[in-house]
Amino acid sequence: MTDARFHPRLRIHAHADIIGSEVVLARPLDDLSLGGCKFVGPAWEEAGQQVALVLSFPTLSASLPLTGMVVRGGEEDMAIRFVHITDEQKGALRKHILDSQEAAGA
């Protein structure tokens, strides 16, 4: 089975504050792409739930607010697709991903 993702998933040192039906602070990301992110562990939101996120990149002292939609949630993980992302937010996210990779020596 092939992964038909438009944006590759990357392991980036980052965490997120997520506000949905619950508030979860400083949750580490398992992976990140320009299209969304994934968290390991049992999901705390239902699929279809819209959430507000603030992604934080500690090595860069940078953060980025985004809106997302939970696309998958189960016992193993929870995946979020970014929605209503502006060109400015996408540009900032791209920059933070590239800078994080560079800082990690990737």
Protein backbone atom coordinates (compact mmCIF):
# COMPACT_ATOMS: atom_id res chain seq x y z
CA MET A 1 0.00 0.00 0.00
CA THR A 2 1.42 3.39 -0.94
CA ASP A 3 1.05 6.59 1.04
CA ALA A 4 -0.85 9.03 -1.19
CA ARG A 5 0.03 12.13 0.82
CA PHE A 6 0.55 15.42 -0.96
CA HIS A 7 2.93 16.65 1.78
CA PRO A 8 5.52 14.30 3.33
CA ARG A 9 5.33 13.60 7.06
CA LEU A 10 8.44 14.68 8.92
CA ARG A 11 9.74 14.07 12.43
CA ILE A 12 10.20 17.57 13.83
CA HIS A 13 10.95 18.59 17.42
CA ALA A 14 7.73 20.47 18.15
CA HIS A 15 4.73 20.35 20.43
CA ALA A 16 1.23 21.79 20.36
CA ASP A 17 -1.39 23.30 22.59
CA ILE A 18 -4.75 22.01 21.35
CA ILE A 19 -8.14 23.51 22.17
CA GLY A 20 -11.22 21.51 21.22
CA SER A 21 -13.73 19.87 23.52
CA GLU A 22 -10.72 19.52 25.85
CA VAL A 23 -7.62 21.66 26.34
CA VAL A 24 -4.31 19.82 26.02
CA LEU A 25 -1.06 21.69 26.55
CA ALA A 26 2.46 21.00 25.25
CA ARG A 27 1.59 17.68 23.56
CA PRO A 28 4.60 16.41 21.54
CA LEU A 29 4.03 15.88 17.82
CA ASP A 30 4.81 12.48 16.35
CA ASP A 31 5.02 13.93 12.86
CA LEU A 32 4.25 17.13 10.99
CA SER A 33 3.62 18.15 7.39
CA LEU A 34 2.27 21.20 5.60
CA GLY A 35 -1.10 19.43 5.60
CA GLY A 36 -1.42 18.30 9.21
CA CYS A 37 0.11 16.57 12.21
CA LYS A 38 -0.16 13.42 14.30
CA PHE A 39 0.00 12.71 18.03
CA VAL A 40 0.83 9.30 19.53
CA GLY A 41 -1.42 7.79 22.18
CA PRO A 42 -5.15 7.55 22.71
CA ALA A 43 -7.19 10.25 20.98
CA TRP A 44 -8.93 12.76 23.22
CA GLU A 45 -11.08 14.25 20.43
CA GLU A 46 -13.56 12.60 18.06
CA ALA A 47 -13.02 12.50 14.29
CA GLY A 48 -14.68 15.54 12.73
CA GLN A 49 -13.99 17.81 15.72
CA GLN A 50 -12.53 21.20 14.79
CA VAL A 51 -9.64 22.29 17.02
CA ALA A 52 -7.44 25.34 17.48
CA LEU A 53 -3.74 24.60 17.73
CA VAL A 54 -0.64 26.55 18.61
CA LEU A 55 2.41 24.73 17.27
CA SER A 56 5.59 25.50 19.20
CA PHE A 57 9.10 24.95 17.89
CA PRO A 58 11.36 25.15 20.99
CA THR A 59 14.68 25.12 19.14
CA LEU A 60 13.51 28.13 17.11
CA SER A 61 11.69 29.98 19.90
CA ALA A 62 8.78 30.19 17.46
CA SER A 63 5.09 29.38 17.55
CA LEU A 64 2.27 29.32 15.01
CA PRO A 65 -1.51 29.34 15.57
CA LEU A 66 -3.52 27.11 13.21
CA THR A 67 -6.97 25.58 12.88
CA GLY A 68 -7.41 21.87 12.29
CA MET A 69 -9.92 19.07 11.91
CA VAL A 70 -9.46 15.69 13.58
CA VAL A 71 -9.43 13.17 10.73
CA ARG A 72 -8.57 10.07 12.74
CA GLY A 73 -8.67 9.21 16.40
CA GLY A 74 -8.19 5.86 18.09
CA GLU A 75 -6.27 4.05 20.81
CA GLU A 76 -2.96 4.40 18.95
CA ASP A 77 -2.93 7.99 17.69
CA MET A 78 -4.82 11.10 16.64
CA ALA A 79 -4.34 12.83 13.27
CA ILE A 80 -5.27 16.41 12.44
CA ARG A 81 -5.58 18.05 9.02
CA PHE A 82 -4.97 21.79 8.95
CA VAL A 83 -7.96 23.73 7.60
CA HIS A 84 -8.52 27.33 6.56
CA ILE A 85 -4.75 27.89 6.54
CA THR A 86 -3.70 31.20 5.00
CA ASP A 87 -0.77 31.64 2.62
CA GLU A 88 1.01 33.51 5.42
CA GLN A 89 0.50 30.61 7.85
CA LYS A 90 1.60 28.06 5.25
CA GLY A 91 4.73 30.10 4.53
CA ALA A 92 5.54 30.36 8.24
CA LEU A 93 4.94 26.62 8.73
CA ARG A 94 7.20 25.78 5.78
CA LYS A 95 9.92 28.04 7.20
CA HIS A 96 9.64 26.55 10.71
CA ILE A 97 9.80 23.00 9.32
CA LEU A 98 12.89 23.77 7.22
CA ASP A 99 14.59 25.67 10.06
CA SER A 100 13.82 22.81 12.51
CA GLN A 101 15.34 20.28 10.11
CA GLU A 102 18.42 22.46 9.71
CA ALA A 103 18.74 22.92 13.50
CA ALA A 104 18.54 19.12 13.93
CA GLY A 105 21.25 18.62 11.31
CA ALA A 106 18.91 16.85 8.90
